[in-house]
Amino acid sequence: MAGDARLANYFLWAKESQLLGLYTPEFRTQLGQQTATDPMLQFLKPLPDSISPLERMLALEQRFFLADHNLTYTDKMSMAAGVEVRVPFLDLDLVEHAAQIPIGMKQRGRVGKWVLKKAMEPYLPHDVIYRPKSGFGAPLRRWMRHELRSLLGDVLSTASLKKRGLFDPVAVHRVIQRNDSGEMDAAYILLSLLCIEIWCRAYIDGRSANRLASVTRGI
């Protein structure tokens, strides 16, 4: 795997083969040749070949990972505690200026955000600036095995999955069992399946019910 496909692959929680194994035959037919990385590859396609892999990766981060993931939950958690986390670094002038910084000042060997770290050296302790990166993660793996396990079993029940027709119940329950036993780390896969089903209930089933209610009221 090379080029843009390699860059897009960094953003996947699971291999494409694992995802395909969870789909029902009907859903695989509907998807055709579409893959989970298609939106990212389509986004990168118009960019000139002269744009470096690092800049292409940063473009993916800005368009997908930040907007759909990091900024979303970071903003919610920080503002719940009255703390400004994301806003200072999202100032439009600062973002535009950062985009023009030479690549060699953004990444030096394995040191990322190099110019920012150098700029902060007069103000922060060295061990704070250069400490290992610590993710802002929730205890998702524990939730999938304990606190949210009953919800997982209920929402992704055989009846529910068959009714939806997107995911194969046998394959999904095999993943749940392997995750329960520790044989497989499938926390993010299971969270995705859980969110998809809950979203469908709220925005597909809910809208259908609302349309039916409006029609019956008019009879």
C-alpha atoms as a PDB file:
ATOM      1  CA  MET A   1       0.000   0.000   0.000  1.00  0.00           C
ATOM      2  CA  ALA A   2       1.415   3.367  -1.024  1.00  0.00           C
ATOM      3  CA  GLY A   3       0.547   6.993  -1.701  1.00  0.00           C
ATOM      4  CA  ASP A   4      -2.779   8.401  -0.592  1.00  0.00           C
ATOM      5  CA  ALA A   5      -4.148   4.933   0.199  1.00  0.00           C
ATOM      6  CA  ARG A   6      -1.429   4.490   2.812  1.00  0.00           C
ATOM      7  CA  LEU A   7      -2.236   7.886   4.367  1.00  0.00           C
ATOM      8  CA  ALA A   8      -5.962   7.181   4.508  1.00  0.00           C
ATOM      9  CA  ASN A   9      -5.316   3.774   6.070  1.00  0.00           C
ATOM     10  CA  TYR A  10      -3.864   5.461   9.167  1.00  0.00           C
ATOM     11  CA  PHE A  11      -7.350   6.733  10.035  1.00  0.00           C
ATOM     12  CA  LEU A  12      -9.063   3.330  10.085  1.00  0.00           C
ATOM     13  CA  TRP A  13     -10.055   1.609  13.322  1.00  0.00           C
ATOM     14  CA  ALA A  14     -10.263  -1.753  11.546  1.00  0.00           C
ATOM     15  CA  LYS A  15      -9.011  -3.435   8.402  1.00  0.00           C
ATOM     16  CA  GLU A  16     -11.294  -3.322   5.372  1.00  0.00           C
ATOM     17  CA  SER A  17     -11.482  -7.126   5.412  1.00  0.00           C
ATOM     18  CA  GLN A  18     -12.793  -7.040   8.996  1.00  0.00           C
ATOM     19  CA  LEU A  19     -15.495  -4.568   8.041  1.00  0.00           C
ATOM     20  CA  LEU A  20     -16.557  -6.552   4.989  1.00  0.00           C
ATOM     21  CA  GLY A  21     -16.959  -9.613   7.180  1.00  0.00           C
ATOM     22  CA  LEU A  22     -19.550  -7.780   9.281  1.00  0.00           C
ATOM     23  CA  TYR A  23     -21.775  -6.713   6.372  1.00  0.00           C
ATOM     24  CA  THR A  24     -24.761  -8.703   5.186  1.00  0.00           C
ATOM     25  CA  PRO A  25     -24.514  -9.965   1.574  1.00  0.00           C
ATOM     26  CA  GLU A  26     -27.248  -7.507   0.584  1.00  0.00           C
ATOM     27  CA  PHE A  27     -25.396  -4.567   2.101  1.00  0.00           C
ATOM     28  CA  ARG A  28     -22.140  -5.604   0.397  1.00  0.00           C
ATOM     29  CA  THR A  29     -23.998  -5.661  -2.907  1.00  0.00           C
ATOM     30  CA  GLN A  30     -25.366  -2.169  -2.306  1.00  0.00           C
ATOM     31  CA  LEU A  31     -21.902  -0.843  -1.454  1.00  0.00           C
ATOM     32  CA  GLY A  32     -20.373  -2.266  -4.633  1.00  0.00           C
ATOM     33  CA  GLN A  33     -16.736  -1.203  -4.837  1.00  0.00           C
ATOM     34  CA  GLN A  34     -17.041   1.525  -2.199  1.00  0.00           C
ATOM     35  CA  THR A  35     -14.665   1.316   0.743  1.00  0.00           C
ATOM     36  CA  ALA A  36     -14.350   3.100   4.085  1.00  0.00           C
ATOM     37  CA  THR A  37     -11.442   5.191   2.783  1.00  0.00           C
ATOM     38  CA  ASP A  38     -13.233   6.460  -0.350  1.00  0.00           C
ATOM     39  CA  PRO A  39     -14.285   9.845   1.139  1.00  0.00           C
ATOM     40  CA  MET A  40     -10.696  10.559   2.180  1.00  0.00           C
ATOM     41  CA  LEU A  41      -9.239   9.468  -1.145  1.00  0.00           C
ATOM     42  CA  GLN A  42     -11.763  11.607  -3.024  1.00  0.00           C
ATOM     43  CA  PHE A  43     -10.825  14.567  -0.835  1.00  0.00           C
ATOM     44  CA  LEU A  44      -7.120  14.147  -1.618  1.00  0.00           C
ATOM     45  CA  LYS A  45      -7.576  13.467  -5.324  1.00  0.00           C
ATOM     46  CA  PRO A  46      -7.798  17.122  -6.496  1.00  0.00           C
ATOM     47  CA  LEU A  47      -4.682  18.134  -4.540  1.00  0.00           C
ATOM     48  CA  PRO A  48      -1.569  18.673  -6.686  1.00  0.00           C
ATOM     49  CA  ASP A  49       1.044  15.922  -6.652  1.00  0.00           C
ATOM     50  CA  SER A  50       3.556  18.507  -5.474  1.00  0.00           C
ATOM     51  CA  ILE A  51       1.920  18.581  -2.032  1.00  0.00           C
ATOM     52  CA  SER A  52       4.028  16.437   0.288  1.00  0.00           C
ATOM     53  CA  PRO A  53       2.720  13.372   2.162  1.00  0.00           C
ATOM     54  CA  LEU A  54       2.970  15.302   5.452  1.00  0.00           C
ATOM     55  CA  GLU A  55       0.827  18.141   4.102  1.00  0.00           C
ATOM     56  CA  ARG A  56      -1.666  15.651   2.685  1.00  0.00           C
ATOM     57  CA  MET A  57      -1.861  13.931   6.050  1.00  0.00           C
ATOM     58  CA  LEU A  58      -2.442  17.267   7.776  1.00  0.00           C
ATOM     59  CA  ALA A  59      -5.209  18.030   5.268  1.00  0.00           C
ATOM     60  CA  LEU A  60      -6.909  14.748   6.186  1.00  0.00           C
ATOM     61  CA  GLU A  61      -6.489  15.511   9.880  1.00  0.00           C
ATOM     62  CA  GLN A  62      -8.101  18.933   9.481  1.00  0.00           C
ATOM     63  CA  ARG A  63     -10.955  17.818   7.250  1.00  0.00           C
ATOM     64  CA  PHE A  64     -11.892  14.530   8.919  1.00  0.00           C
ATOM     65  CA  PHE A  65     -10.243  13.612  12.223  1.00  0.00           C
ATOM     66  CA  LEU A  66     -10.413  17.033  13.876  1.00  0.00           C
ATOM     67  CA  ALA A  67     -13.866  17.976  12.620  1.00  0.00           C
ATOM     68  CA  ASP A  68     -15.498  14.578  13.190  1.00  0.00           C
ATOM     69  CA  HIS A  69     -13.627  13.374  16.249  1.00  0.00           C
ATOM     70  CA  ASN A  70     -11.126  15.311  18.334  1.00  0.00           C
ATOM     71  CA  LEU A  71     -12.685  18.768  18.261  1.00  0.00           C
ATOM     72  CA  THR A  72     -16.151  17.397  18.883  1.00  0.00           C
ATOM     73  CA  TYR A  73     -15.565  15.612  22.168  1.00  0.00           C
ATOM     74  CA  THR A  74     -12.751  17.886  23.338  1.00  0.00           C
ATOM     75  CA  ASP A  75     -15.000  20.921  22.978  1.00  0.00           C
ATOM     76  CA  LYS A  76     -17.859  19.258  24.846  1.00  0.00           C
ATOM     77  CA  MET A  77     -15.725  18.027  27.737  1.00  0.00           C
ATOM     78  CA  SER A  78     -13.711  21.220  28.128  1.00  0.00           C
ATOM     79  CA  MET A  79     -16.670  23.590  27.937  1.00  0.00           C
ATOM     80  CA  ALA A  80     -18.543  21.435  30.459  1.00  0.00           C
ATOM     81  CA  ALA A  81     -15.745  22.414  32.864  1.00  0.00           C
ATOM     82  CA  GLY A  82     -15.590  26.027  31.642  1.00  0.00           C
ATOM     83  CA  VAL A  83     -12.154  25.570  30.039  1.00  0.00           C
ATOM     84  CA  GLU A  84     -11.098  26.975  26.647  1.00  0.00           C
ATOM     85  CA  VAL A  85      -9.099  24.269  24.875  1.00  0.00           C
ATOM     86  CA  ARG A  86      -9.601  24.371  21.127  1.00  0.00           C
ATOM     87  CA  VAL A  87     -10.513  27.987  20.376  1.00  0.00           C
ATOM     88  CA  PRO A  88      -7.076  29.672  20.689  1.00  0.00           C
ATOM     89  CA  PHE A  89      -5.503  27.278  18.174  1.00  0.00           C
ATOM     90  CA  LEU A  90      -8.444  27.627  15.763  1.00  0.00           C
ATOM     91  CA  ASP A  91      -8.033  31.366  15.269  1.00  0.00           C
ATOM     92  CA  LEU A  92      -8.318  31.857  11.506  1.00  0.00           C
ATOM     93  CA  ASP A  93      -5.201  33.997  11.220  1.00  0.00           C
ATOM     94  CA  LEU A  94      -3.179  31.489  13.232  1.00  0.00           C
ATOM     95  CA  VAL A  95      -4.431  28.545  11.136  1.00  0.00           C
ATOM     96  CA  GLU A  96      -3.577  30.352   7.892  1.00  0.00           C
ATOM     97  CA  HIS A  97      -0.135  31.256   9.219  1.00  0.00           C
ATOM     98  CA  ALA A  98       0.523  27.678  10.380  1.00  0.00           C
ATOM     99  CA  ALA A  99      -0.374  26.362   6.929  1.00  0.00           C
ATOM    100  CA  GLN A 100       2.454  28.439   5.427  1.00  0.00           C
ATOM    101  CA  ILE A 101       5.159  27.231   7.815  1.00  0.00           C
ATOM    102  CA  PRO A 102       7.815  25.130   6.018  1.00  0.00           C
ATOM    103  CA  ILE A 103       7.520  21.378   6.514  1.00  0.00           C
ATOM    104  CA  GLY A 104      10.924  21.212   8.196  1.00  0.00           C
ATOM    105  CA  MET A 105       9.613  23.423  10.994  1.00  0.00           C
ATOM    106  CA  LYS A 106       6.465  21.358  11.485  1.00  0.00           C
ATOM    107  CA  GLN A 107       8.228  18.022  11.819  1.00  0.00           C
ATOM    108  CA  ARG A 108      11.857  17.366  12.762  1.00  0.00           C
ATOM    109  CA  GLY A 109      12.596  13.662  12.652  1.00  0.00           C
ATOM    110  CA  ARG A 110      10.103  12.113  15.036  1.00  0.00           C
ATOM    111  CA  VAL A 111       9.369  15.404  16.810  1.00  0.00           C
ATOM    112  CA  GLY A 112       6.014  16.791  15.722  1.00  0.00           C
ATOM    113  CA  LYS A 113       4.838  20.397  16.201  1.00  0.00           C
ATOM    114  CA  TRP A 114       8.523  21.287  16.325  1.00  0.00           C
ATOM    115  CA  VAL A 115       8.179  25.044  15.816  1.00  0.00           C
ATOM    116  CA  LEU A 116       5.439  25.309  18.468  1.00  0.00           C
ATOM    117  CA  LYS A 117       7.553  23.432  20.985  1.00  0.00           C
ATOM    118  CA  LYS A 118      10.581  25.608  20.275  1.00  0.00           C
ATOM    119  CA  ALA A 119       8.446  28.737  20.647  1.00  0.00           C
ATOM    120  CA  MET A 120       7.207  27.566  24.036  1.00  0.00           C
ATOM    121  CA  GLU A 121      10.625  26.721  25.500  1.00  0.00           C
ATOM    122  CA  PRO A 122      11.036  30.144  27.205  1.00  0.00           C
ATOM    123  CA  TYR A 123       7.647  29.763  28.902  1.00  0.00           C
ATOM    124  CA  LEU A 124       7.159  26.091  29.827  1.00  0.00           C
ATOM    125  CA  PRO A 125       9.333  23.438  31.489  1.00  0.00           C
ATOM    126  CA  HIS A 126      11.241  21.218  29.056  1.00  0.00           C
ATOM    127  CA  ASP A 127       9.691  18.013  30.424  1.00  0.00           C
ATOM    128  CA  VAL A 128       6.193  19.433  29.846  1.00  0.00           C
ATOM    129  CA  ILE A 129       6.881  20.380  26.226  1.00  0.00           C
ATOM    130  CA  TYR A 130       8.652  17.175  25.240  1.00  0.00           C
ATOM    131  CA  ARG A 131       6.780  14.625  27.326  1.00  0.00           C
ATOM    132  CA  PRO A 132       5.164  11.708  25.424  1.00  0.00           C
ATOM    133  CA  LYS A 133       1.836  12.495  23.846  1.00  0.00           C
ATOM    134  CA  SER A 134      -1.141  11.594  26.024  1.00  0.00           C
ATOM    135  CA  GLY A 135      -4.448  11.044  24.287  1.00  0.00           C
ATOM    136  CA  PHE A 136      -7.719  12.477  25.570  1.00  0.00           C
ATOM    137  CA  GLY A 137      -9.508   9.145  25.560  1.00  0.00           C
ATOM    138  CA  ALA A 138     -12.545   7.726  27.315  1.00  0.00           C
ATOM    139  CA  PRO A 139     -12.377   4.273  28.991  1.00  0.00           C
ATOM    140  CA  LEU A 140     -14.109   2.806  25.965  1.00  0.00           C
ATOM    141  CA  ARG A 141     -12.646  -0.688  26.248  1.00  0.00           C
ATOM    142  CA  ARG A 142     -13.940  -1.027  29.816  1.00  0.00           C
ATOM    143  CA  TRP A 143     -17.331   0.376  28.847  1.00  0.00           C
ATOM    144  CA  MET A 144     -17.774  -2.187  26.057  1.00  0.00           C
ATOM    145  CA  ARG A 145     -17.089  -5.040  28.488  1.00  0.00           C
ATOM    146  CA  HIS A 146     -18.806  -3.697  31.591  1.00  0.00           C
ATOM    147  CA  GLU A 147     -20.868  -0.481  31.927  1.00  0.00           C
ATOM    148  CA  LEU A 148     -22.288  -0.529  28.359  1.00  0.00           C
ATOM    149  CA  ARG A 149     -22.244  -4.290  27.846  1.00  0.00           C
ATOM    150  CA  SER A 150     -25.980  -4.774  28.468  1.00  0.00           C
ATOM    151  CA  LEU A 151     -26.804  -1.853  26.162  1.00  0.00           C
ATOM    152  CA  LEU A 152     -24.539  -3.373  23.526  1.00  0.00           C
ATOM    153  CA  GLY A 153     -26.329  -6.702  23.736  1.00  0.00           C
ATOM    154  CA  ASP A 154     -29.739  -5.051  23.568  1.00  0.00           C
ATOM    155  CA  VAL A 155     -29.100  -2.601  20.709  1.00  0.00           C
ATOM    156  CA  LEU A 156     -27.120  -5.141  18.661  1.00  0.00           C
ATOM    157  CA  SER A 157     -29.441  -8.056  19.329  1.00  0.00           C
ATOM    158  CA  THR A 158     -30.066 -10.622  16.599  1.00  0.00           C
ATOM    159  CA  ALA A 159     -33.582  -9.312  16.023  1.00  0.00           C
ATOM    160  CA  SER A 160     -32.380  -5.720  15.798  1.00  0.00           C
ATOM    161  CA  LEU A 161     -29.576  -6.517  13.347  1.00  0.00           C
ATOM    162  CA  LYS A 162     -31.821  -8.655  11.144  1.00  0.00           C
ATOM    163  CA  LYS A 163     -34.410  -5.893  11.017  1.00  0.00           C
ATOM    164  CA  ARG A 164     -31.817  -3.311  10.003  1.00  0.00           C
ATOM    165  CA  GLY A 165     -30.224  -5.561   7.377  1.00  0.00           C
ATOM    166  CA  LEU A 166     -26.806  -3.895   7.420  1.00  0.00           C
ATOM    167  CA  PHE A 167     -24.728  -6.202   9.602  1.00  0.00           C
ATOM    168  CA  ASP A 168     -24.648  -9.971   9.902  1.00  0.00           C
ATOM    169  CA  PRO A 169     -25.809 -10.961  13.428  1.00  0.00           C
ATOM    170  CA  VAL A 170     -23.594 -14.052  13.592  1.00  0.00           C
ATOM    171  CA  ALA A 171     -20.480 -12.074  12.616  1.00  0.00           C
ATOM    172  CA  VAL A 172     -21.275  -9.202  14.988  1.00  0.00           C
ATOM    173  CA  HIS A 173     -21.917 -11.493  17.958  1.00  0.00           C
ATOM    174  CA  ARG A 174     -18.688 -13.353  17.226  1.00  0.00           C
ATOM    175  CA  VAL A 175     -16.824 -10.041  17.482  1.00  0.00           C
ATOM    176  CA  ILE A 176     -18.620  -9.225  20.756  1.00  0.00           C
ATOM    177  CA  GLN A 177     -17.647 -12.608  22.206  1.00  0.00           C
ATOM    178  CA  ARG A 178     -14.014 -12.233  21.143  1.00  0.00           C
ATOM    179  CA  ASN A 179     -13.956  -8.748  22.651  1.00  0.00           C
ATOM    180  CA  ASP A 180     -15.480 -10.042  25.912  1.00  0.00           C
ATOM    181  CA  SER A 181     -12.833 -12.762  26.192  1.00  0.00           C
ATOM    182  CA  GLY A 182      -9.953 -10.434  25.412  1.00  0.00           C
ATOM    183  CA  GLU A 183      -9.103 -12.375  22.269  1.00  0.00           C
ATOM    184  CA  MET A 184      -9.729  -9.250  20.176  1.00  0.00           C
ATOM    185  CA  ASP A 185      -9.720  -5.524  20.865  1.00  0.00           C
ATOM    186  CA  ALA A 186     -12.926  -4.533  19.069  1.00  0.00           C
ATOM    187  CA  ALA A 187     -14.018  -1.620  21.258  1.00  0.00           C
ATOM    188  CA  TYR A 188     -14.012   0.945  18.460  1.00  0.00           C
ATOM    189  CA  ILE A 189     -15.688  -1.413  16.009  1.00  0.00           C
ATOM    190  CA  LEU A 190     -18.459  -2.150  18.506  1.00  0.00           C
ATOM    191  CA  LEU A 191     -18.879   1.524  19.372  1.00  0.00           C
ATOM    192  CA  SER A 192     -19.286   2.278  15.659  1.00  0.00           C
ATOM    193  CA  LEU A 193     -21.927  -0.431  15.236  1.00  0.00           C
ATOM    194  CA  LEU A 194     -23.704   0.800  18.352  1.00  0.00           C
ATOM    195  CA  CYS A 195     -23.744   4.401  17.129  1.00  0.00           C
ATOM    196  CA  ILE A 196     -24.952   3.438  13.653  1.00  0.00           C
ATOM    197  CA  GLU A 197     -27.919   1.506  15.032  1.00  0.00           C
ATOM    198  CA  ILE A 198     -28.835   4.242  17.522  1.00  0.00           C
ATOM    199  CA  TRP A 199     -28.551   6.861  14.765  1.00  0.00           C
ATOM    200  CA  CYS A 200     -30.799   4.798  12.470  1.00  0.00           C
ATOM    201  CA  ARG A 201     -33.398   4.490  15.204  1.00  0.00           C
ATOM    202  CA  ALA A 202     -33.379   8.231  15.857  1.00  0.00           C
ATOM    203  CA  TYR A 203     -33.164   9.611  12.314  1.00  0.00           C
ATOM    204  CA  ILE A 204     -34.535   6.887  10.030  1.00  0.00           C
ATOM    205  CA  ASP A 205     -37.056   4.991  12.123  1.00  0.00           C
ATOM    206  CA  GLY A 206     -38.010   8.170  13.969  1.00  0.00           C
ATOM    207  CA  ARG A 207     -38.657  10.111  10.769  1.00  0.00           C
ATOM    208  CA  SER A 208     -40.681   7.228   9.332  1.00  0.00           C
ATOM    209  CA  ALA A 209     -42.802   7.143  12.484  1.00  0.00           C
ATOM    210  CA  ASN A 210     -43.287  10.901  12.358  1.00  0.00           C
ATOM    211  CA  ARG A 211     -44.358  10.757   8.712  1.00  0.00           C
ATOM    212  CA  LEU A 212     -46.807   7.959   9.505  1.00  0.00           C
ATOM    213  CA  ALA A 213     -48.210   9.935  12.440  1.00  0.00           C
ATOM    214  CA  SER A 214     -48.707  13.043  10.281  1.00  0.00           C
ATOM    215  CA  VAL A 215     -50.473  11.028   7.606  1.00  0.00           C
ATOM    216  CA  THR A 216     -52.809   9.312  10.060  1.00  0.00           C
ATOM    217  CA  ARG A 217     -53.654  12.632  11.691  1.00  0.00           C
ATOM    218  CA  GLY A 218     -54.787  13.888   8.310  1.00  0.00           C
ATOM    219  CA  ILE A 219     -57.140  10.965   7.715  1.00  0.00           C
END
